[in-house]
Amino acid sequence: MNRRLTTARGRGRADAAIVGGGVVGAACALALARHGLQVTLIEGAEPPAWRAQTHDLRVYAFAPDNASLLDRIGVWAQVREARAQPYRRMRVWDAAGGEELRFDADAMAAPQLGWIVEHGLLQDRLWAALRHSDVVLRCPSKVADLIQETDGVTLVLDDGLRVDARIAIAADGGNSTLRALAGIGTDEHDYAQRGVVAYVATERPHEDTAWQRFLPTGPLAFLPCLPRPDTAHVCSIVWTLPEAEALRVLALDDEAFANELGRAFASRLGEVRPLSPRTGFPLRSRLAQNFVSGRVLAIGDAAHVVHPLAGQGVNLGLRDVDALSDSVADAQRKRVDWSAPHRLARWARARRSDSVASAQAFTAINRAFSNDHLVATLLRGHALGLAGKLAPLNRALWRHAAGM
């Protein structure tokens, strides 16, 4: 059944029709509605309610610029009050030796470097905000066809309903239906790796620090989480491994898994103990060849899927939203058409340029550190230490990661 989150303001053409109600799509709907645009959000299924007693295995290292975006759309306070672990430091080092690359909030004159936040919590709070907004929801509905014209689009839904809008926005994930209907191709690369994720208890406190160790098989991250009633020291782990090795690790019993994980992390936080089931997801990059085609825009995973080693996936998607919101606000101040083709093209060029640079950087880092070649092994640990010692470079690296 289609239902509306609020009473619609009329049955005419919407300003924006957004396909996909994940974190990026929901945030985009709220951001555009905040500028007074009439927005329709089309989603196949309403997300399950978040519950404090459950812990979503999918977590994000949430950057300050995106926290500011969520604050402007009235969501961030609710996320922080529910469960968001700030991290004040990052430690990155290579198993082959060399010095650490360190980031510290004090050195950056910031209260924290970011937050570790669960996907399910973010989506739950965004949808709660949607229910109190002017956004019109079509759910459950899927896009079956797209009709493009010079001044707008028509989305034909699987229940026969038609949604007319000035622009359509594909936020429906890496296998985006709307992106395909718009004829936007993708460039893809399979890393032949899998990310193993789980929650673990650690013997020693995480020190509000995000830890990452590079191994020949791939990076291993320990991300700090809030304590639980019966467990003081909790981390979310993301362990990147070659496909076959990941499947072997996933099949281990808890004791064997804990032993192997502890060794891989050099027991940096003492002994570890699994707190959750673990799962793995295949790693591949996917980049849309264009972020706009006619009057269809691609954002989030529909535009770019990158390696998770820097935790930048959702951050890049929300920066797509922030840039589009800024473009609309700028056009409104100047009293010009916010949906003019040249403005959409300018947004698309800027966002694709940033996404390409980020995707290439993550791929290069993964390739350089996820091997045991002699020359790379001798150089990479020293490179990390050098980046940590050069204050301007250290600050520039962090400012880029934080979206500043």
Protein backbone atom coordinates (compact mmCIF):
# COMPACT_ATOMS: atom_id res chain seq x y z
CA MET A 1 0.00 0.00 0.00
CA ASN A 2 1.19 3.50 -0.82
CA ARG A 3 0.85 5.91 2.03
CA ARG A 4 1.91 9.45 2.75
CA LEU A 5 4.01 10.46 5.69
CA THR A 6 2.16 13.78 5.75
CA THR A 7 -0.66 15.42 3.87
CA ALA A 8 0.61 16.32 0.40
CA ARG A 9 0.49 19.93 -0.73
CA GLY A 10 -1.25 19.15 -3.97
CA ARG A 11 -1.31 16.61 -6.76
CA GLY A 12 0.81 18.50 -9.26
CA ARG A 13 4.34 17.78 -10.33
CA ALA A 14 6.87 17.32 -7.54
CA ASP A 15 10.14 19.21 -7.55
CA ALA A 16 12.20 16.09 -6.82
CA ALA A 17 11.37 12.39 -6.86
CA ILE A 18 13.93 10.37 -4.91
CA VAL A 19 14.18 6.62 -5.44
CA GLY A 20 15.63 4.83 -2.41
CA GLY A 21 15.01 5.53 1.26
CA GLY A 22 18.32 4.46 2.75
CA VAL A 23 20.49 6.82 4.77
CA VAL A 24 21.51 8.93 1.76
CA GLY A 25 18.11 8.98 0.06
CA ALA A 26 16.22 9.84 3.25
CA ALA A 27 18.72 12.58 4.13
CA CYS A 28 18.39 14.00 0.61
CA ALA A 29 14.59 14.10 0.88
CA LEU A 30 14.76 16.00 4.19
CA ALA A 31 17.49 18.36 2.96
CA LEU A 32 15.57 19.35 -0.18
CA ALA A 33 12.26 19.67 1.68
CA ARG A 34 14.01 22.04 4.09
CA HIS A 35 14.47 24.42 1.12
CA GLY A 36 10.74 24.37 0.45
CA LEU A 37 10.86 21.88 -2.43
CA GLN A 38 8.03 19.43 -2.93
CA VAL A 39 9.65 16.01 -2.56
CA THR A 40 8.38 12.48 -3.17
CA LEU A 41 10.37 9.54 -1.79
CA ILE A 42 9.88 6.11 -3.39
CA GLU A 43 11.00 3.06 -1.42
CA GLY A 44 10.41 -0.66 -1.76
CA ALA A 45 10.10 -1.45 1.96
CA GLU A 46 9.96 0.54 5.17
CA PRO A 47 13.07 -0.18 7.29
CA PRO A 48 12.65 -2.15 10.53
CA ALA A 49 12.51 -0.14 13.74
CA TRP A 50 15.83 0.26 15.55
CA ARG A 51 15.99 -1.21 19.05
CA ALA A 52 18.61 -0.35 21.65
CA GLN A 53 19.02 -3.99 22.68
CA THR A 54 20.17 -4.93 19.18
CA HIS A 55 23.49 -3.91 17.65
CA ASP A 56 23.68 -3.44 13.89
CA LEU A 57 26.82 -5.03 12.43
CA ARG A 58 26.98 -2.31 9.79
CA VAL A 59 28.59 0.77 11.32
CA TYR A 60 30.05 3.99 9.93
CA ALA A 61 32.94 6.24 10.94
CA PHE A 62 30.80 9.35 10.71
CA ALA A 63 32.58 12.57 9.73
CA PRO A 64 31.97 16.01 11.31
CA ASP A 65 30.71 17.66 8.11
CA ASN A 66 27.98 15.06 7.77
CA ALA A 67 27.05 15.41 11.43
CA SER A 68 26.50 19.10 10.62
CA LEU A 69 24.28 18.14 7.68
CA LEU A 70 22.15 15.87 9.87
CA ASP A 71 21.98 18.61 12.48
CA ARG A 72 20.57 21.05 9.91
CA ILE A 73 17.83 18.60 8.95
CA GLY A 74 16.96 17.98 12.60
CA VAL A 75 18.25 14.42 13.07
CA TRP A 76 21.73 14.47 14.61
CA ALA A 77 20.69 15.22 18.21
CA GLN A 78 18.40 12.17 18.21
CA VAL A 79 21.18 9.97 16.81
CA ARG A 80 23.71 11.12 19.43
CA GLU A 81 21.23 10.71 22.28
CA ALA A 82 20.46 7.13 21.21
CA ARG A 83 23.95 5.69 20.61
CA ALA A 84 26.93 7.34 18.96
CA GLN A 85 30.48 6.73 20.14
CA PRO A 86 32.82 9.69 19.58
CA TYR A 87 36.41 8.88 18.71
CA ARG A 88 39.18 11.33 19.55
CA ARG A 89 42.18 9.56 18.07
CA MET A 90 43.20 7.35 15.15
CA ARG A 91 46.18 5.01 15.06
CA VAL A 92 47.27 3.45 11.77
CA TRP A 93 50.30 1.18 11.45
CA ASP A 94 51.75 -1.53 9.25
CA ALA A 95 52.42 -5.09 10.39
CA ALA A 96 55.79 -5.04 8.60
CA GLY A 97 57.12 -2.29 10.86
CA GLY A 98 57.72 1.43 10.78
CA GLU A 99 56.07 4.17 12.80
CA GLU A 100 52.40 4.93 13.30
CA LEU A 101 50.31 7.50 11.53
CA ARG A 102 48.41 9.31 14.29
CA PHE A 103 45.52 11.73 14.31
CA ASP A 104 44.48 13.42 17.53
CA ALA A 105 41.49 15.68 18.20
CA ASP A 106 43.54 17.93 20.47
CA ALA A 107 46.05 18.59 17.69
CA MET A 108 43.15 19.37 15.33
CA ALA A 109 41.55 21.72 17.90
CA ALA A 110 38.38 19.62 17.75
CA PRO A 111 36.33 17.94 20.50
CA GLN A 112 36.37 14.69 18.47
CA LEU A 113 37.45 13.41 15.10
CA GLY A 114 34.11 11.74 14.40
CA TRP A 115 31.61 9.18 15.68
CA ILE A 116 30.95 5.49 15.23
CA VAL A 117 27.25 5.12 14.37
CA GLU A 118 25.09 2.14 13.41
CA HIS A 119 23.39 2.09 10.03
CA GLY A 120 20.06 0.97 11.48
CA LEU A 121 20.01 3.81 14.01
CA LEU A 122 20.72 6.44 11.36
CA GLN A 123 17.99 5.12 9.09
CA ASP A 124 15.48 4.87 11.95
CA ARG A 125 15.98 8.48 13.04
CA LEU A 126 15.88 9.76 9.46
CA TRP A 127 12.57 8.00 8.86
CA ALA A 128 11.19 9.35 12.12
CA ALA A 129 11.99 12.84 10.81
CA LEU A 130 10.34 12.00 7.47
CA ARG A 131 7.09 11.22 9.28
CA HIS A 132 7.00 14.79 10.59
CA SER A 133 8.05 16.46 7.33
CA ASP A 134 6.29 17.53 4.14
CA VAL A 135 7.91 14.68 2.19
CA VAL A 136 5.41 12.40 0.39
CA LEU A 137 6.21 8.70 0.71
CA ARG A 138 5.34 6.03 -1.84
CA CYS A 139 6.04 2.77 -0.01
CA PRO A 140 6.12 -0.04 -0.83
CA SER A 141 6.75 0.94 -4.43
CA LYS A 142 9.45 0.33 -7.00
CA VAL A 143 10.31 2.09 -10.23
CA ALA A 144 9.35 0.12 -13.33
CA ASP A 145 9.99 2.69 -16.05
CA LEU A 146 11.36 6.18 -16.68
CA ILE A 147 10.14 8.78 -19.16
CA GLN A 148 12.48 11.73 -19.65
CA GLU A 149 11.50 15.07 -21.16
CA THR A 150 13.42 18.32 -21.47
CA ASP A 151 11.79 19.94 -18.45
CA GLY A 152 11.04 16.96 -16.22
CA VAL A 153 10.64 13.21 -15.73
CA THR A 154 7.86 10.72 -15.16
CA LEU A 155 8.53 7.66 -13.00
CA VAL A 156 6.19 4.73 -13.64
CA LEU A 157 5.90 2.64 -10.48
CA ASP A 158 5.28 -1.09 -10.28
CA ASP A 159 1.71 -0.50 -9.04
CA GLY A 160 0.89 1.63 -12.10
CA LEU A 161 1.12 4.98 -10.30
CA ARG A 162 2.98 7.76 -12.13
CA VAL A 163 5.11 10.36 -10.37
CA ASP A 164 5.96 13.53 -12.29
CA ALA A 165 8.89 15.64 -11.12
CA ARG A 166 11.33 18.29 -12.28
CA ILE A 167 14.22 15.96 -11.42
CA ALA A 168 14.61 12.36 -10.29
CA ILE A 169 17.37 11.22 -7.96
CA ALA A 170 18.73 7.67 -7.94
CA ALA A 171 19.58 6.75 -4.34
CA ASP A 172 18.65 3.09 -4.70
CA GLY A 173 22.03 1.48 -4.09
CA GLY A 174 24.87 -0.04 -6.04
CA ASN A 175 22.55 -2.03 -8.32
CA SER A 176 20.37 1.03 -8.96
CA THR A 177 17.34 0.44 -11.17
CA LEU A 178 16.84 4.15 -11.84
CA ARG A 179 20.48 4.62 -12.83
CA ALA A 180 20.12 1.79 -15.35
CA LEU A 181 16.85 3.20 -16.72
CA ALA A 182 18.61 6.55 -17.20
CA GLY A 183 21.30 4.83 -19.27
CA ILE A 184 24.16 5.66 -16.89
CA GLY A 185 26.93 3.09 -17.17
CA THR A 186 29.41 2.10 -14.47
CA ASP A 187 33.09 1.22 -14.17
CA GLU A 188 33.59 -1.69 -11.78
CA HIS A 189 36.45 -3.50 -10.07
CA ASP A 190 36.28 -6.65 -7.93
CA TYR A 191 38.90 -6.61 -5.17
CA ALA A 192 38.57 -10.39 -4.66
CA GLN A 193 38.31 -9.57 -0.95
CA ARG A 194 35.61 -9.83 1.67
CA GLY A 195 35.05 -7.65 4.71
CA VAL A 196 34.43 -9.66 7.88
CA VAL A 197 32.45 -7.70 10.50
CA ALA A 198 31.55 -8.45 14.12
CA TYR A 199 31.47 -6.99 17.62
CA VAL A 200 34.13 -8.05 20.13
CA ALA A 201 34.98 -7.37 23.74
CA THR A 202 38.58 -6.36 24.41
CA GLU A 203 40.66 -6.85 27.53
CA ARG A 204 41.87 -3.24 27.54
CA PRO A 205 39.90 -0.03 26.87
CA HIS A 206 39.78 1.28 23.30
CA GLU A 207 40.78 4.78 24.50
CA ASP A 208 38.17 6.45 22.24
CA THR A 209 40.51 5.50 19.39
CA ALA A 210 39.89 4.06 15.92
CA TRP A 211 42.66 1.52 15.30
CA GLN A 212 43.77 0.15 11.92
CA ARG A 213 46.57 -2.31 11.20
CA PHE A 214 47.65 -3.07 7.65
CA LEU A 215 48.41 -6.75 7.02
CA PRO A 216 49.59 -8.43 3.79
CA THR A 217 46.07 -9.87 3.48
CA GLY A 218 44.34 -6.48 3.95
CA PRO A 219 43.54 -3.91 6.66
CA LEU A 220 42.06 -4.78 10.06
CA ALA A 221 40.13 -2.06 11.90
CA PHE A 222 38.97 -1.94 15.53
CA LEU A 223 36.37 0.81 15.93
CA PRO A 224 35.42 2.03 19.42
CA CYS A 225 31.87 1.46 20.65
CA LEU A 226 29.93 2.40 23.75
CA PRO A 227 30.04 -0.06 26.68
CA ARG A 228 27.25 -2.53 27.29
CA PRO A 229 25.71 -3.42 30.67
CA ASP A 230 27.87 -6.53 31.02
CA THR A 231 30.86 -5.52 28.87
CA ALA A 232 33.00 -2.44 29.49
CA HIS A 233 35.25 -2.49 26.41
CA VAL A 234 33.50 -3.02 23.06
CA CYS A 235 34.77 -2.64 19.49
CA SER A 236 33.32 -3.20 16.04
CA ILE A 237 35.83 -4.93 13.78
CA VAL A 238 36.18 -4.79 10.00
CA TRP A 239 38.71 -7.38 8.79
CA THR A 240 39.51 -7.30 5.07
CA LEU A 241 40.68 -10.66 3.75
CA PRO A 242 41.07 -12.45 0.41
CA GLU A 243 37.86 -14.23 -0.50
CA ALA A 244 38.93 -17.78 0.39
CA GLU A 245 40.60 -16.69 3.63
CA ALA A 246 37.52 -14.73 4.66
CA LEU A 247 35.30 -17.78 4.16
CA ARG A 248 37.71 -19.85 6.27
CA VAL A 249 37.70 -17.27 9.08
CA LEU A 250 33.91 -17.03 9.01
CA ALA A 251 33.69 -20.81 9.51
CA LEU A 252 35.90 -20.84 12.66
CA ASP A 253 34.39 -21.40 16.09
CA ASP A 254 34.43 -18.44 18.47
CA GLU A 255 37.58 -19.48 20.32
CA ALA A 256 39.61 -20.06 17.14
CA PHE A 257 38.30 -16.81 15.65
CA ALA A 258 39.25 -14.84 18.76
CA ASN A 259 42.76 -16.32 18.74
CA GLU A 260 43.35 -15.52 15.07
CA LEU A 261 41.88 -12.03 15.41
CA GLY A 262 44.05 -11.28 18.44
CA ARG A 263 47.19 -12.35 16.60
CA ALA A 264 46.25 -10.33 13.52
CA PHE A 265 45.83 -7.24 15.73
CA ALA A 266 49.07 -7.95 17.59
CA SER A 267 47.03 -8.08 20.82
CA ARG A 268 47.01 -4.28 20.84
CA LEU A 269 43.99 -4.24 23.14
CA GLY A 270 44.74 -7.52 24.90
CA GLU A 271 42.61 -10.61 24.53
CA VAL A 272 39.44 -10.40 22.47
CA ARG A 273 36.12 -12.19 22.87
CA PRO A 274 33.34 -12.35 20.25
CA LEU A 275 30.11 -10.61 21.25
CA SER A 276 28.06 -11.19 18.12
CA PRO A 277 27.66 -13.42 15.10
CA ARG A 278 29.98 -12.40 12.29
CA THR A 279 29.29 -11.95 8.63
CA GLY A 280 31.20 -11.03 5.48
CA PHE A 281 30.43 -8.94 2.44
CA PRO A 282 32.25 -8.94 -0.92
CA LEU A 283 34.33 -5.85 -1.70
CA ARG A 284 34.20 -4.17 -5.09
CA SER A 285 34.28 -0.65 -6.41
CA ARG A 286 31.61 0.75 -8.71
CA LEU A 287 31.68 4.27 -10.14
CA ALA A 288 28.97 5.76 -12.32
CA GLN A 289 30.38 7.12 -15.58
CA ASN A 290 28.16 10.18 -15.15
CA PHE A 291 26.32 11.47 -12.10
CA VAL A 292 23.62 13.09 -14.24
CA SER A 293 21.77 12.03 -17.36
CA GLY A 294 19.11 14.42 -18.58
CA ARG A 295 17.13 15.19 -15.44
CA VAL A 296 18.21 12.13 -13.44
CA LEU A 297 20.94 12.47 -10.79
CA ALA A 298 22.81 9.61 -9.09
CA ILE A 299 23.92 9.88 -5.46
CA GLY A 300 25.28 7.60 -2.75
CA ASP A 301 25.99 3.99 -3.70
CA ALA A 302 24.09 4.50 -6.97
CA ALA A 303 26.92 6.87 -7.92
CA HIS A 304 29.93 5.39 -6.14
CA VAL A 305 30.83 2.29 -4.14
CA VAL A 306 34.35 2.46 -2.68
CA HIS A 307 36.63 0.26 -0.58
CA PRO A 308 35.60 0.47 3.11
CA LEU A 309 39.15 0.81 4.50
CA ALA A 310 38.71 4.53 5.22
CA GLY A 311 35.06 4.31 6.27
CA GLN A 312 34.12 6.94 3.69
CA GLY A 313 31.25 5.26 1.83
CA VAL A 314 28.28 6.90 3.57
CA ASN A 315 30.31 10.09 4.07
CA LEU A 316 30.77 10.48 0.31
CA GLY A 317 27.07 9.88 -0.25
CA LEU A 318 26.01 12.50 2.27
CA ARG A 319 28.46 14.95 0.69
CA ASP A 320 26.53 14.43 -2.57
CA VAL A 321 23.43 15.52 -0.64
CA ASP A 322 25.15 18.47 1.02
CA ALA A 323 26.51 19.76 -2.30
CA LEU A 324 23.08 19.46 -3.96
CA SER A 325 21.45 21.23 -1.01
CA ASP A 326 24.01 24.04 -1.28
CA SER A 327 23.37 24.35 -5.03
CA VAL A 328 19.62 24.68 -4.47
CA ALA A 329 20.15 27.27 -1.71
CA ASP A 330 22.50 29.27 -3.93
CA ALA A 331 19.99 29.29 -6.80
CA GLN A 332 17.19 30.37 -4.49
CA ARG A 333 19.28 33.27 -3.17
CA LYS A 334 20.00 34.36 -6.73
CA ARG A 335 16.37 33.81 -7.78
CA VAL A 336 17.35 31.50 -10.63
CA ASP A 337 16.23 27.99 -11.60
CA TRP A 338 17.84 25.50 -9.20
CA SER A 339 17.12 22.64 -11.65
CA ALA A 340 18.65 24.28 -14.73
CA PRO A 341 20.72 21.74 -16.70
CA HIS A 342 23.96 23.70 -16.33
CA ARG A 343 23.55 23.76 -12.53
CA LEU A 344 22.89 20.02 -12.39
CA ALA A 345 25.92 19.42 -14.62
CA ARG A 346 28.13 21.59 -12.41
CA TRP A 347 27.05 19.63 -9.32
CA ALA A 348 27.67 16.33 -11.12
CA ARG A 349 31.18 17.31 -12.28
CA ALA A 350 32.25 18.40 -8.81
CA ARG A 351 30.87 15.34 -7.05
CA ARG A 352 32.21 12.87 -9.60
CA SER A 353 35.66 14.48 -9.43
CA ASP A 354 35.74 14.08 -5.65
CA SER A 355 34.42 10.51 -5.85
CA VAL A 356 36.96 9.48 -8.50
CA ALA A 357 39.83 10.90 -6.46
CA SER A 358 38.61 9.13 -3.32
CA ALA A 359 38.00 5.79 -5.05
CA GLN A 360 41.43 5.84 -6.70
CA ALA A 361 43.13 6.77 -3.43
CA PHE A 362 41.43 3.94 -1.51
CA THR A 363 42.28 1.44 -4.24
CA ALA A 364 45.92 2.57 -4.29
CA ILE A 365 46.22 2.34 -0.50
CA ASN A 366 44.68 -1.11 -0.46
CA ARG A 367 47.00 -2.28 -3.25
CA ALA A 368 50.12 -0.83 -1.62
CA PHE A 369 49.48 -2.24 1.83
CA SER A 370 47.67 -5.51 1.10
CA ASN A 371 50.70 -7.42 -0.20
CA ASP A 372 54.03 -8.78 0.96
CA HIS A 373 56.21 -7.49 -1.89
CA LEU A 374 59.66 -6.66 -0.55
CA VAL A 375 59.95 -3.05 -1.79
CA ALA A 376 56.43 -2.13 -0.69
CA THR A 377 57.03 -3.74 2.70
CA LEU A 378 60.23 -1.75 3.23
CA LEU A 379 58.66 1.59 2.28
CA ARG A 380 55.09 1.69 3.48
CA GLY A 381 55.60 1.69 7.26
CA HIS A 382 58.11 4.52 6.95
CA ALA A 383 55.68 6.44 4.74
CA LEU A 384 53.02 6.24 7.44
CA GLY A 385 55.46 7.49 10.05
CA LEU A 386 56.59 10.36 7.83
CA ALA A 387 52.97 11.45 7.21
CA GLY A 388 52.41 11.42 10.95
CA LYS A 389 55.45 13.57 11.66
CA LEU A 390 54.74 16.27 9.06
CA ALA A 391 52.11 18.38 10.78
CA PRO A 392 50.80 20.16 7.63
CA LEU A 393 50.43 16.85 5.78
CA ASN A 394 48.84 15.20 8.80
CA ARG A 395 46.32 18.02 9.13
CA ALA A 396 45.61 18.05 5.39
CA LEU A 397 44.91 14.30 5.40
CA TRP A 398 42.52 14.65 8.28
CA ARG A 399 40.74 17.70 6.90
CA HIS A 400 40.10 15.80 3.67
CA ALA A 401 38.69 12.79 5.57
CA ALA A 402 36.51 15.09 7.68
CA GLY A 403 35.16 16.91 4.63
CA MET A 404 36.61 20.26 5.71
